[in-house]
Amino acid sequence: MANQDRLYFDGQCPLCQFEIRHLDRLKEDTLVLVDVHSLTDLSSKKKEALLRTLHLETKDGEILLGLDASRHAWSKTGWGGLFAWLGWPVIKPIADAVYSVWARRRFKRRYGS
C-alpha cells in the first residue's frame, strides 16, 4: 500500500457511495478507496475531520483535500481530463468555495454539527 494513493470517503453518504462505485470500477491499481467508517483506530477528532471533507493521501504522504482530492482521484482513471478544469486558476477558487459550502451542509445534515 506504500506505492498507492489513498482516498478517504464517507461510506454512509449516498452521493459519496455513487461516486466511489464509479471510481472503483474505473480506477488504476495505484488508488485505494478507504471508507472512513471501516477505520477502527481513529480518534473521534480525526474521524470527524475525514468525514467533513474528502481527503486523499498520496503515496508520497501529501494530503489533498476537497476538490483537489477528487481531481487527483479521478486523474487515476481515463476520465481525469474531465475534472482538470476545476483546477484552473480562474475556476479553482469558485469551485473550492462551492465545495466547501456543500461539504459543510452535507456534514451537518448527516451528523448534526
PDB file of N, CA and C in Angstrom:
ATOM      1  N   MET A   1       0.808  -1.190   0.000  1.00  0.00           N
ATOM      2  CA  MET A   1       0.000   0.000   0.000  1.00  0.00           C
ATOM      3  C   MET A   1       0.859   1.265   0.000  1.00  0.00           C
ATOM      4  N   ALA A   2       2.135   1.149   0.247  1.00  0.00           N
ATOM      5  CA  ALA A   2       3.019   2.312   0.271  1.00  0.00           C
ATOM      6  C   ALA A   2       3.166   2.948  -1.111  1.00  0.00           C
ATOM      7  N   ASN A   3       2.936   2.199  -2.164  1.00  0.00           N
ATOM      8  CA  ASN A   3       3.037   2.731  -3.518  1.00  0.00           C
ATOM      9  C   ASN A   3       1.683   3.133  -4.084  1.00  0.00           C
ATOM     10  N   GLN A   4       0.721   3.370  -3.209  1.00  0.00           N
ATOM     11  CA  GLN A   4      -0.618   3.711  -3.654  1.00  0.00           C
ATOM     12  C   GLN A   4      -1.114   4.978  -2.947  1.00  0.00           C
ATOM     13  N   ASP A   5      -1.932   5.723  -3.655  1.00  0.00           N
ATOM     14  CA  ASP A   5      -2.630   6.847  -3.051  1.00  0.00           C
ATOM     15  C   ASP A   5      -3.865   6.300  -2.352  1.00  0.00           C
ATOM     16  N   ARG A   6      -4.296   6.976  -1.275  1.00  0.00           N
ATOM     17  CA  ARG A   6      -5.468   6.523  -0.518  1.00  0.00           C
ATOM     18  C   ARG A   6      -6.497   7.651  -0.452  1.00  0.00           C
ATOM     19  N   LEU A   7      -7.689   7.370  -0.945  1.00  0.00           N
ATOM     20  CA  LEU A   7      -8.794   8.317  -0.879  1.00  0.00           C
ATOM     21  C   LEU A   7      -9.718   7.890   0.251  1.00  0.00           C
ATOM     22  N   TYR A   8      -9.903   8.778   1.235  1.00  0.00           N
ATOM     23  CA  TYR A   8     -10.761   8.502   2.383  1.00  0.00           C
ATOM     24  C   TYR A   8     -12.135   9.125   2.113  1.00  0.00           C
ATOM     25  N   PHE A   9     -13.190   8.325   2.218  1.00  0.00           N
ATOM     26  CA  PHE A   9     -14.531   8.792   1.889  1.00  0.00           C
ATOM     27  C   PHE A   9     -15.532   8.321   2.931  1.00  0.00           C
ATOM     28  N   ASP A  10     -16.698   8.966   2.923  1.00  0.00           N
ATOM     29  CA  ASP A  10     -17.790   8.637   3.844  1.00  0.00           C
ATOM     30  C   ASP A  10     -18.654   7.562   3.192  1.00  0.00           C
ATOM     31  N   GLY A  11     -18.476   6.334   3.602  1.00  0.00           N
ATOM     32  CA  GLY A  11     -19.199   5.201   3.029  1.00  0.00           C
ATOM     33  C   GLY A  11     -20.665   5.156   3.387  1.00  0.00           C
ATOM     34  N   GLN A  12     -21.125   6.058   4.268  1.00  0.00           N
ATOM     35  CA  GLN A  12     -22.541   6.108   4.628  1.00  0.00           C
ATOM     36  C   GLN A  12     -23.280   7.224   3.890  1.00  0.00           C
ATOM     37  N   CYS A  13     -22.591   7.966   3.065  1.00  0.00           N
ATOM     38  CA  CYS A  13     -23.179   9.074   2.304  1.00  0.00           C
ATOM     39  C   CYS A  13     -23.597   8.557   0.923  1.00  0.00           C
ATOM     40  N   PRO A  14     -24.885   8.656   0.589  1.00  0.00           N
ATOM     41  CA  PRO A  14     -25.354   8.136  -0.706  1.00  0.00           C
ATOM     42  C   PRO A  14     -24.642   8.742  -1.917  1.00  0.00           C
ATOM     43  N   LEU A  15     -24.409  10.047  -1.913  1.00  0.00           N
ATOM     44  CA  LEU A  15     -23.712  10.664  -3.042  1.00  0.00           C
ATOM     45  C   LEU A  15     -22.264  10.175  -3.108  1.00  0.00           C
ATOM     46  N   CYS A  16     -21.621  10.063  -1.957  1.00  0.00           N
ATOM     47  CA  CYS A  16     -20.249   9.558  -1.902  1.00  0.00           C
ATOM     48  C   CYS A  16     -20.203   8.121  -2.427  1.00  0.00           C
ATOM     49  N   GLN A  17     -21.155   7.296  -2.011  1.00  0.00           N
ATOM     50  CA  GLN A  17     -21.218   5.906  -2.467  1.00  0.00           C
ATOM     51  C   GLN A  17     -21.340   5.844  -3.983  1.00  0.00           C
ATOM     52  N   PHE A  18     -22.169   6.712  -4.553  1.00  0.00           N
ATOM     53  CA  PHE A  18     -22.371   6.756  -6.005  1.00  0.00           C
ATOM     54  C   PHE A  18     -21.048   7.043  -6.717  1.00  0.00           C
ATOM     55  N   GLU A  19     -20.344   8.093  -6.265  1.00  0.00           N
ATOM     56  CA  GLU A  19     -19.075   8.451  -6.898  1.00  0.00           C
ATOM     57  C   GLU A  19     -18.034   7.351  -6.711  1.00  0.00           C
ATOM     58  N   ILE A  20     -17.959   6.795  -5.521  1.00  0.00           N
ATOM     59  CA  ILE A  20     -16.951   5.777  -5.224  1.00  0.00           C
ATOM     60  C   ILE A  20     -17.196   4.514  -6.050  1.00  0.00           C
ATOM     61  N   ARG A  21     -18.448   4.145  -6.261  1.00  0.00           N
ATOM     62  CA  ARG A  21     -18.740   2.978  -7.123  1.00  0.00           C
ATOM     63  C   ARG A  21     -18.135   3.169  -8.514  1.00  0.00           C
ATOM     64  N   HIS A  22     -18.285   4.381  -9.049  1.00  0.00           N
ATOM     65  CA  HIS A  22     -17.731   4.660 -10.373  1.00  0.00           C
ATOM     66  C   HIS A  22     -16.205   4.703 -10.332  1.00  0.00           C
ATOM     67  N   LEU A  23     -15.662   5.364  -9.338  1.00  0.00           N
ATOM     68  CA  LEU A  23     -14.202   5.405  -9.199  1.00  0.00           C
ATOM     69  C   LEU A  23     -13.629   3.997  -9.076  1.00  0.00           C
ATOM     70  N   ASP A  24     -14.258   3.169  -8.268  1.00  0.00           N
ATOM     71  CA  ASP A  24     -13.766   1.815  -8.030  1.00  0.00           C
ATOM     72  C   ASP A  24     -13.732   1.000  -9.316  1.00  0.00           C
ATOM     73  N   ARG A  25     -14.723   1.210 -10.148  1.00  0.00           N
ATOM     74  CA  ARG A  25     -14.810   0.471 -11.411  1.00  0.00           C
ATOM     75  C   ARG A  25     -13.771   0.958 -12.424  1.00  0.00           C
ATOM     76  N   LEU A  26     -13.416   2.242 -12.365  1.00  0.00           N
ATOM     77  CA  LEU A  26     -12.578   2.854 -13.396  1.00  0.00           C
ATOM     78  C   LEU A  26     -11.127   3.091 -12.990  1.00  0.00           C
ATOM     79  N   LYS A  27     -10.835   3.046 -11.708  1.00  0.00           N
ATOM     80  CA  LYS A  27      -9.523   3.474 -11.203  1.00  0.00           C
ATOM     81  C   LYS A  27      -8.392   2.506 -11.550  1.00  0.00           C
ATOM     82  N   GLU A  28      -7.196   3.061 -11.508  1.00  0.00           N
ATOM     83  CA  GLU A  28      -5.982   2.266 -11.624  1.00  0.00           C
ATOM     84  C   GLU A  28      -5.682   1.619 -10.268  1.00  0.00           C
ATOM     85  N   ASP A  29      -4.786   0.644 -10.276  1.00  0.00           N
ATOM     86  CA  ASP A  29      -4.401  -0.022  -9.026  1.00  0.00           C
ATOM     87  C   ASP A  29      -3.596   0.874  -8.094  1.00  0.00           C
ATOM     88  N   THR A  30      -3.198   2.049  -8.573  1.00  0.00           N
ATOM     89  CA  THR A  30      -2.411   2.958  -7.745  1.00  0.00           C
ATOM     90  C   THR A  30      -3.275   3.779  -6.786  1.00  0.00           C
ATOM     91  N   LEU A  31      -4.601   3.557  -6.813  1.00  0.00           N
ATOM     92  CA  LEU A  31      -5.516   4.267  -5.929  1.00  0.00           C
ATOM     93  C   LEU A  31      -6.294   3.269  -5.087  1.00  0.00           C
ATOM     94  N   VAL A  32      -6.273   3.479  -3.763  1.00  0.00           N
ATOM     95  CA  VAL A  32      -7.035   2.659  -2.826  1.00  0.00           C
ATOM     96  C   VAL A  32      -8.145   3.531  -2.251  1.00  0.00           C
ATOM     97  N   LEU A  33      -9.351   2.982  -2.211  1.00  0.00           N
ATOM     98  CA  LEU A  33     -10.506   3.690  -1.666  1.00  0.00           C
ATOM     99  C   LEU A  33     -10.771   3.187  -0.260  1.00  0.00           C
ATOM    100  N   VAL A  34     -10.813   4.098   0.711  1.00  0.00           N
ATOM    101  CA  VAL A  34     -10.922   3.723   2.122  1.00  0.00           C
ATOM    102  C   VAL A  34     -12.160   4.370   2.731  1.00  0.00           C
ATOM    103  N   ASP A  35     -13.108   3.554   3.158  1.00  0.00           N
ATOM    104  CA  ASP A  35     -14.290   4.047   3.865  1.00  0.00           C
ATOM    105  C   ASP A  35     -13.856   4.432   5.283  1.00  0.00           C
ATOM    106  N   VAL A  36     -14.043   5.683   5.630  1.00  0.00           N
ATOM    107  CA  VAL A  36     -13.640   6.179   6.952  1.00  0.00           C
ATOM    108  C   VAL A  36     -14.266   5.337   8.059  1.00  0.00           C
ATOM    109  N   HIS A  37     -15.497   4.865   7.847  1.00  0.00           N
ATOM    110  CA  HIS A  37     -16.197   4.091   8.874  1.00  0.00           C
ATOM    111  C   HIS A  37     -15.574   2.710   9.091  1.00  0.00           C
ATOM    112  N   SER A  38     -14.714   2.273   8.182  1.00  0.00           N
ATOM    113  CA  SER A  38     -14.051   0.975   8.342  1.00  0.00           C
ATOM    114  C   SER A  38     -12.785   1.078   9.192  1.00  0.00           C
ATOM    115  N   LEU A  39     -12.365   2.289   9.489  1.00  0.00           N
ATOM    116  CA  LEU A  39     -11.139   2.511  10.266  1.00  0.00           C
ATOM    117  C   LEU A  39     -11.478   2.506  11.749  1.00  0.00           C
ATOM    118  N   THR A  40     -10.933   1.580  12.471  1.00  0.00           N
ATOM    119  CA  THR A  40     -11.282   1.433  13.886  1.00  0.00           C
ATOM    120  C   THR A  40     -10.291   2.093  14.833  1.00  0.00           C
ATOM    121  N   ASP A  41      -9.143   2.500  14.340  1.00  0.00           N
ATOM    122  CA  ASP A  41      -8.107   3.030  15.225  1.00  0.00           C
ATOM    123  C   ASP A  41      -7.993   4.556  15.174  1.00  0.00           C
ATOM    124  N   LEU A  42      -9.058   5.242  14.737  1.00  0.00           N
ATOM    125  CA  LEU A  42      -9.032   6.696  14.641  1.00  0.00           C
ATOM    126  C   LEU A  42      -9.583   7.346  15.907  1.00  0.00           C
ATOM    127  N   SER A  43      -9.008   8.479  16.275  1.00  0.00           N
ATOM    128  CA  SER A  43      -9.625   9.276  17.334  1.00  0.00           C
ATOM    129  C   SER A  43     -10.911   9.871  16.769  1.00  0.00           C
ATOM    130  N   SER A  44     -11.829  10.257  17.622  1.00  0.00           N
ATOM    131  CA  SER A  44     -13.084  10.831  17.145  1.00  0.00           C
ATOM    132  C   SER A  44     -12.825  12.147  16.400  1.00  0.00           C
ATOM    133  N   LYS A  45     -11.819  12.889  16.817  1.00  0.00           N
ATOM    134  CA  LYS A  45     -11.477  14.151  16.148  1.00  0.00           C
ATOM    135  C   LYS A  45     -10.954  13.895  14.731  1.00  0.00           C
ATOM    136  N   LYS A  46     -10.101  12.917  14.576  1.00  0.00           N
ATOM    137  CA  LYS A  46      -9.562  12.581  13.247  1.00  0.00           C
ATOM    138  C   LYS A  46     -10.667  12.040  12.345  1.00  0.00           C
ATOM    139  N   LYS A  47     -11.523  11.189  12.880  1.00  0.00           N
ATOM    140  CA  LYS A  47     -12.622  10.636  12.098  1.00  0.00           C
ATOM    141  C   LYS A  47     -13.540  11.763  11.626  1.00  0.00           C
ATOM    142  N   GLU A  48     -13.857  12.693  12.516  1.00  0.00           N
ATOM    143  CA  GLU A  48     -14.714  13.813  12.135  1.00  0.00           C
ATOM    144  C   GLU A  48     -14.070  14.633  11.025  1.00  0.00           C
ATOM    145  N   ALA A  49     -12.775  14.889  11.119  1.00  0.00           N
ATOM    146  CA  ALA A  49     -12.083  15.658  10.082  1.00  0.00           C
ATOM    147  C   ALA A  49     -12.162  14.943   8.729  1.00  0.00           C
ATOM    148  N   LEU A  50     -11.981  13.626   8.738  1.00  0.00           N
ATOM    149  CA  LEU A  50     -12.055  12.858   7.490  1.00  0.00           C
ATOM    150  C   LEU A  50     -13.468  12.851   6.907  1.00  0.00           C
ATOM    151  N   LEU A  51     -14.474  12.909   7.780  1.00  0.00           N
ATOM    152  CA  LEU A  51     -15.858  12.906   7.314  1.00  0.00           C
ATOM    153  C   LEU A  51     -16.327  14.291   6.858  1.00  0.00           C
ATOM    154  N   ARG A  52     -15.709  15.330   7.352  1.00  0.00           N
ATOM    155  CA  ARG A  52     -16.118  16.693   6.995  1.00  0.00           C
ATOM    156  C   ARG A  52     -15.762  17.044   5.557  1.00  0.00           C
ATOM    157  N   THR A  53     -14.653  16.541   5.083  1.00  0.00           N
ATOM    158  CA  THR A  53     -14.202  16.849   3.719  1.00  0.00           C
ATOM    159  C   THR A  53     -13.408  15.673   3.169  1.00  0.00           C
ATOM    160  N   LEU A  54     -13.469  15.522   1.884  1.00  0.00           N
ATOM    161  CA  LEU A  54     -12.754  14.444   1.221  1.00  0.00           C
ATOM    162  C   LEU A  54     -11.253  14.618   1.434  1.00  0.00           C
ATOM    163  N   HIS A  55     -10.562  13.529   1.779  1.00  0.00           N
ATOM    164  CA  HIS A  55      -9.115  13.527   1.984  1.00  0.00           C
ATOM    165  C   HIS A  55      -8.476  12.499   1.068  1.00  0.00           C
ATOM    166  N   LEU A  56      -7.340  12.852   0.503  1.00  0.00           N
ATOM    167  CA  LEU A  56      -6.539  11.896  -0.250  1.00  0.00           C
ATOM    168  C   LEU A  56      -5.104  12.028   0.214  1.00  0.00           C
ATOM    169  N   GLU A  57      -4.509  10.897   0.577  1.00  0.00           N
ATOM    170  CA  GLU A  57      -3.093  10.879   0.941  1.00  0.00           C
ATOM    171  C   GLU A  57      -2.334  10.243  -0.214  1.00  0.00           C
ATOM    172  N   THR A  58      -1.411  11.009  -0.803  1.00  0.00           N
ATOM    173  CA  THR A  58      -0.638  10.473  -1.918  1.00  0.00           C
ATOM    174  C   THR A  58       0.381   9.465  -1.403  1.00  0.00           C
ATOM    175  N   LYS A  59       0.908   8.687  -2.300  1.00  0.00           N
ATOM    176  CA  LYS A  59       1.918   7.698  -1.917  1.00  0.00           C
ATOM    177  C   LYS A  59       3.147   8.361  -1.298  1.00  0.00           C
ATOM    178  N   ASP A  60       3.344   9.664  -1.568  1.00  0.00           N
ATOM    179  CA  ASP A  60       4.473  10.404  -1.012  1.00  0.00           C
ATOM    180  C   ASP A  60       4.137  11.090   0.310  1.00  0.00           C
ATOM    181  N   GLY A  61       2.883  10.899   0.797  1.00  0.00           N
ATOM    182  CA  GLY A  61       2.494  11.458   2.081  1.00  0.00           C
ATOM    183  C   GLY A  61       1.834  12.820   2.018  1.00  0.00           C
ATOM    184  N   GLU A  62       1.669  13.379   0.830  1.00  0.00           N
ATOM    185  CA  GLU A  62       0.990  14.669   0.692  1.00  0.00           C
ATOM    186  C   GLU A  62      -0.508  14.468   0.922  1.00  0.00           C
ATOM    187  N   ILE A  63      -1.141  15.410   1.622  1.00  0.00           N
ATOM    188  CA  ILE A  63      -2.576  15.353   1.889  1.00  0.00           C
ATOM    189  C   ILE A  63      -3.278  16.368   0.987  1.00  0.00           C
ATOM    190  N   LEU A  64      -4.242  15.883   0.212  1.00  0.00           N
ATOM    191  CA  LEU A  64      -5.070  16.730  -0.637  1.00  0.00           C
ATOM    192  C   LEU A  64      -6.479  16.718  -0.067  1.00  0.00           C
ATOM    193  N   LEU A  65      -7.141  17.871  -0.096  1.00  0.00           N
ATOM    194  CA  LEU A  65      -8.473  17.996   0.492  1.00  0.00           C
ATOM    195  C   LEU A  65      -9.489  18.433  -0.553  1.00  0.00           C
ATOM    196  N   GLY A  66     -10.747  18.071  -0.302  1.00  0.00           N
ATOM    197  CA  GLY A  66     -11.853  18.562  -1.109  1.00  0.00           C
ATOM    198  C   GLY A  66     -11.727  18.232  -2.588  1.00  0.00           C
ATOM    199  N   LEU A  67     -11.933  19.259  -3.411  1.00  0.00           N
ATOM    200  CA  LEU A  67     -11.879  19.053  -4.859  1.00  0.00           C
ATOM    201  C   LEU A  67     -10.492  18.648  -5.336  1.00  0.00           C
ATOM    202  N   ASP A  68      -9.444  19.096  -4.648  1.00  0.00           N
ATOM    203  CA  ASP A  68      -8.090  18.663  -5.027  1.00  0.00           C
ATOM    204  C   ASP A  68      -7.982  17.148  -4.874  1.00  0.00           C
ATOM    205  N   ALA A  69      -8.559  16.612  -3.797  1.00  0.00           N
ATOM    206  CA  ALA A  69      -8.554  15.157  -3.580  1.00  0.00           C
ATOM    207  C   ALA A  69      -9.355  14.456  -4.672  1.00  0.00           C
ATOM    208  N   SER A  70     -10.521  14.999  -4.980  1.00  0.00           N
ATOM    209  CA  SER A  70     -11.373  14.402  -6.001  1.00  0.00           C
ATOM    210  C   SER A  70     -10.704  14.440  -7.376  1.00  0.00           C
ATOM    211  N   ARG A  71     -10.150  15.591  -7.734  1.00  0.00           N
ATOM    212  CA  ARG A  71      -9.465  15.706  -9.030  1.00  0.00           C
ATOM    213  C   ARG A  71      -8.320  14.716  -9.134  1.00  0.00           C
ATOM    214  N   HIS A  72      -7.551  14.596  -8.062  1.00  0.00           N
ATOM    215  CA  HIS A  72      -6.422  13.668  -8.074  1.00  0.00           C
ATOM    216  C   HIS A  72      -6.911  12.224  -8.221  1.00  0.00           C
ATOM    217  N   ALA A  73      -7.965  11.872  -7.483  1.00  0.00           N
ATOM    218  CA  ALA A  73      -8.509  10.510  -7.575  1.00  0.00           C
ATOM    219  C   ALA A  73      -8.981  10.227  -8.995  1.00  0.00           C
ATOM    220  N   TRP A  74      -9.721  11.165  -9.588  1.00  0.00           N
ATOM    221  CA  TRP A  74     -10.219  10.950 -10.952  1.00  0.00           C
ATOM    222  C   TRP A  74      -9.095  10.943 -11.978  1.00  0.00           C
ATOM    223  N   SER A  75      -7.948  11.550 -11.638  1.00  0.00           N
ATOM    224  CA  SER A  75      -6.798  11.501 -12.557  1.00  0.00           C
ATOM    225  C   SER A  75      -6.249  10.082 -12.675  1.00  0.00           C
ATOM    226  N   LYS A  76      -6.663   9.207 -11.759  1.00  0.00           N
ATOM    227  CA  LYS A  76      -6.249   7.798 -11.777  1.00  0.00           C
ATOM    228  C   LYS A  76      -7.211   6.955 -12.609  1.00  0.00           C
ATOM    229  N   THR A  77      -8.043   7.620 -13.413  1.00  0.00           N
ATOM    230  CA  THR A  77      -8.969   6.948 -14.314  1.00  0.00           C
ATOM    231  C   THR A  77      -8.790   7.531 -15.715  1.00  0.00           C
ATOM    232  N   GLY A  78      -9.452   6.970 -16.664  1.00  0.00           N
ATOM    233  CA  GLY A  78      -9.437   7.517 -18.017  1.00  0.00           C
ATOM    234  C   GLY A  78     -10.273   8.777 -18.151  1.00  0.00           C
ATOM    235  N   TRP A  79     -10.995   9.157 -17.090  1.00  0.00           N
ATOM    236  CA  TRP A  79     -11.877  10.317 -17.111  1.00  0.00           C
ATOM    237  C   TRP A  79     -11.265  11.548 -16.444  1.00  0.00           C
ATOM    238  N   GLY A  80     -10.026  11.465 -16.021  1.00  0.00           N
ATOM    239  CA  GLY A  80      -9.395  12.553 -15.270  1.00  0.00           C
ATOM    240  C   GLY A  80      -9.423  13.896 -15.960  1.00  0.00           C
ATOM    241  N   GLY A  81      -9.290  13.896 -17.265  1.00  0.00           N
ATOM    242  CA  GLY A  81      -9.280  15.155 -18.007  1.00  0.00           C
ATOM    243  C   GLY A  81     -10.570  15.937 -17.879  1.00  0.00           C
ATOM    244  N   LEU A  82     -11.672  15.246 -17.637  1.00  0.00           N
ATOM    245  CA  LEU A  82     -12.957  15.933 -17.493  1.00  0.00           C
ATOM    246  C   LEU A  82     -13.027  16.789 -16.229  1.00  0.00           C
ATOM    247  N   PHE A  83     -12.166  16.511 -15.266  1.00  0.00           N
ATOM    248  CA  PHE A  83     -12.181  17.230 -13.995  1.00  0.00           C
ATOM    249  C   PHE A  83     -11.044  18.238 -13.862  1.00  0.00           C
ATOM    250  N   ALA A  84     -10.118  18.232 -14.811  1.00  0.00           N
ATOM    251  CA  ALA A  84      -8.933  19.091 -14.729  1.00  0.00           C
ATOM    252  C   ALA A  84      -9.292  20.575 -14.672  1.00  0.00           C
ATOM    253  N   TRP A  85     -10.346  20.977 -15.359  1.00  0.00           N
ATOM    254  CA  TRP A  85     -10.734  22.391 -15.394  1.00  0.00           C
ATOM    255  C   TRP A  85     -11.057  22.950 -14.013  1.00  0.00           C
ATOM    256  N   LEU A  86     -11.421  22.074 -13.075  1.00  0.00           N
ATOM    257  CA  LEU A  86     -11.710  22.537 -11.718  1.00  0.00           C
ATOM    258  C   LEU A  86     -10.464  23.085 -11.016  1.00  0.00           C
ATOM    259  N   GLY A  87      -9.296  22.807 -11.570  1.00  0.00           N
ATOM    260  CA  GLY A  87      -8.051  23.316 -11.008  1.00  0.00           C
ATOM    261  C   GLY A  87      -7.507  24.546 -11.713  1.00  0.00           C
ATOM    262  N   TRP A  88      -8.181  25.015 -12.757  1.00  0.00           N
ATOM    263  CA  TRP A  88      -7.728  26.207 -13.467  1.00  0.00           C
ATOM    264  C   TRP A  88      -7.772  27.412 -12.530  1.00  0.00           C
ATOM    265  N   PRO A  89      -6.781  28.302 -12.613  1.00  0.00           N
ATOM    266  CA  PRO A  89      -6.688  29.430 -11.678  1.00  0.00           C
ATOM    267  C   PRO A  89      -7.944  30.283 -11.559  1.00  0.00           C
ATOM    268  N   VAL A  90      -8.675  30.504 -12.628  1.00  0.00           N
ATOM    269  CA  VAL A  90      -9.879  31.328 -12.557  1.00  0.00           C
ATOM    270  C   VAL A  90     -11.035  30.552 -11.925  1.00  0.00           C
ATOM    271  N   ILE A  91     -11.088  29.245 -12.145  1.00  0.00           N
ATOM    272  CA  ILE A  91     -12.193  28.404 -11.696  1.00  0.00           C
ATOM    273  C   ILE A  91     -11.987  27.879 -10.275  1.00  0.00           C
ATOM    274  N   LYS A  92     -10.750  27.524  -9.932  1.00  0.00           N
ATOM    275  CA  LYS A  92     -10.457  26.834  -8.674  1.00  0.00           C
ATOM    276  C   LYS A  92     -11.015  27.530  -7.429  1.00  0.00           C
ATOM    277  N   PRO A  93     -10.811  28.837  -7.247  1.00  0.00           N
ATOM    278  CA  PRO A  93     -11.345  29.468  -6.021  1.00  0.00           C
ATOM    279  C   PRO A  93     -12.872  29.372  -5.926  1.00  0.00           C
ATOM    280  N   ILE A  94     -13.543  29.499  -7.044  1.00  0.00           N
ATOM    281  CA  ILE A  94     -15.003  29.410  -7.051  1.00  0.00           C
ATOM    282  C   ILE A  94     -15.438  27.975  -6.762  1.00  0.00           C
ATOM    283  N   ALA A  95     -14.821  27.028  -7.450  1.00  0.00           N
ATOM    284  CA  ALA A  95     -15.162  25.615  -7.252  1.00  0.00           C
ATOM    285  C   ALA A  95     -14.873  25.183  -5.813  1.00  0.00           C
ATOM    286  N   ASP A  96     -13.747  25.621  -5.264  1.00  0.00           N
ATOM    287  CA  ASP A  96     -13.409  25.280  -3.881  1.00  0.00           C
ATOM    288  C   ASP A  96     -14.426  25.863  -2.902  1.00  0.00           C
ATOM    289  N   ALA A  97     -14.869  27.101  -3.142  1.00  0.00           N
ATOM    290  CA  ALA A  97     -15.860  27.734  -2.265  1.00  0.00           C
ATOM    291  C   ALA A  97     -17.192  26.982  -2.330  1.00  0.00           C
ATOM    292  N   VAL A  98     -17.606  26.597  -3.528  1.00  0.00           N
ATOM    293  CA  VAL A  98     -18.860  25.850  -3.678  1.00  0.00           C
ATOM    294  C   VAL A  98     -18.743  24.502  -2.973  1.00  0.00           C
ATOM    295  N   TYR A  99     -17.610  23.806  -3.166  1.00  0.00           N
ATOM    296  CA  TYR A  99     -17.408  22.515  -2.492  1.00  0.00           C
ATOM    297  C   TYR A  99     -17.448  22.690  -0.973  1.00  0.00           C
ATOM    298  N   SER A 100     -16.805  23.732  -0.476  1.00  0.00           N
ATOM    299  CA  SER A 100     -16.739  23.963   0.968  1.00  0.00           C
ATOM    300  C   SER A 100     -18.138  24.140   1.560  1.00  0.00           C
ATOM    301  N   VAL A 101     -18.977  24.923   0.899  1.00  0.00           N
ATOM    302  CA  VAL A 101     -20.358  25.117   1.366  1.00  0.00           C
ATOM    303  C   VAL A 101     -21.098  23.784   1.319  1.00  0.00           C
ATOM    304  N   TRP A 102     -20.969  23.068   0.208  1.00  0.00           N
ATOM    305  CA  TRP A 102     -21.653  21.783   0.067  1.00  0.00           C
ATOM    306  C   TRP A 102     -21.188  20.802   1.148  1.00  0.00           C
ATOM    307  N   ALA A 103     -19.882  20.728   1.387  1.00  0.00           N
ATOM    308  CA  ALA A 103     -19.340  19.781   2.370  1.00  0.00           C
ATOM    309  C   ALA A 103     -19.844  20.099   3.780  1.00  0.00           C
ATOM    310  N   ARG A 104     -19.872  21.380   4.125  1.00  0.00           N
ATOM    311  CA  ARG A 104     -20.384  21.766   5.457  1.00  0.00           C
ATOM    312  C   ARG A 104     -21.851  21.368   5.610  1.00  0.00           C
ATOM    313  N   ARG A 105     -22.646  21.643   4.604  1.00  0.00           N
ATOM    314  CA  ARG A 105     -24.075  21.298   4.667  1.00  0.00           C
ATOM    315  C   ARG A 105     -24.282  19.791   4.709  1.00  0.00           C
ATOM    316  N   ARG A 106     -23.522  19.068   3.911  1.00  0.00           N
ATOM    317  CA  ARG A 106     -23.628  17.606   3.893  1.00  0.00           C
ATOM    318  C   ARG A 106     -23.309  17.037   5.269  1.00  0.00           C
ATOM    319  N   PHE A 107     -22.217  17.509   5.866  1.00  0.00           N
ATOM    320  CA  PHE A 107     -21.816  17.010   7.179  1.00  0.00           C
ATOM    321  C   PHE A 107     -22.885  17.337   8.224  1.00  0.00           C
ATOM    322  N   LYS A 108     -23.396  18.553   8.188  1.00  0.00           N
ATOM    323  CA  LYS A 108     -24.408  18.953   9.173  1.00  0.00           C
ATOM    324  C   LYS A 108     -25.675  18.104   9.033  1.00  0.00           C
ATOM    325  N   ARG A 109     -26.109  17.854   7.806  1.00  0.00           N
ATOM    326  CA  ARG A 109     -27.310  17.039   7.582  1.00  0.00           C
ATOM    327  C   ARG A 109     -27.096  15.605   8.053  1.00  0.00           C
ATOM    328  N   ARG A 110     -25.919  15.065   7.790  1.00  0.00           N
ATOM    329  CA  ARG A 110     -25.662  13.662   8.119  1.00  0.00           C
ATOM    330  C   ARG A 110     -25.322  13.477   9.593  1.00  0.00           C
ATOM    331  N   TYR A 111     -24.579  14.407  10.175  1.00  0.00           N
ATOM    332  CA  TYR A 111     -24.031  14.194  11.518  1.00  0.00           C
ATOM    333  C   TYR A 111     -24.458  15.253  12.537  1.00  0.00           C
ATOM    334  N   GLY A 112     -25.211  16.240  12.099  1.00  0.00           N
ATOM    335  CA  GLY A 112     -25.831  17.182  13.013  1.00  0.00           C
ATOM    336  C   GLY A 112     -24.938  18.208  13.668  1.00  0.00           C
ATOM    337  N   SER A 113     -23.759  18.450  13.140  1.00  0.00           N
ATOM    338  CA  SER A 113     -22.943  19.524  13.736  1.00  0.00           C
ATOM    339  C   SER A 113     -22.122  20.228  12.695  1.00  0.00           C
TER     340      SER A 113
END
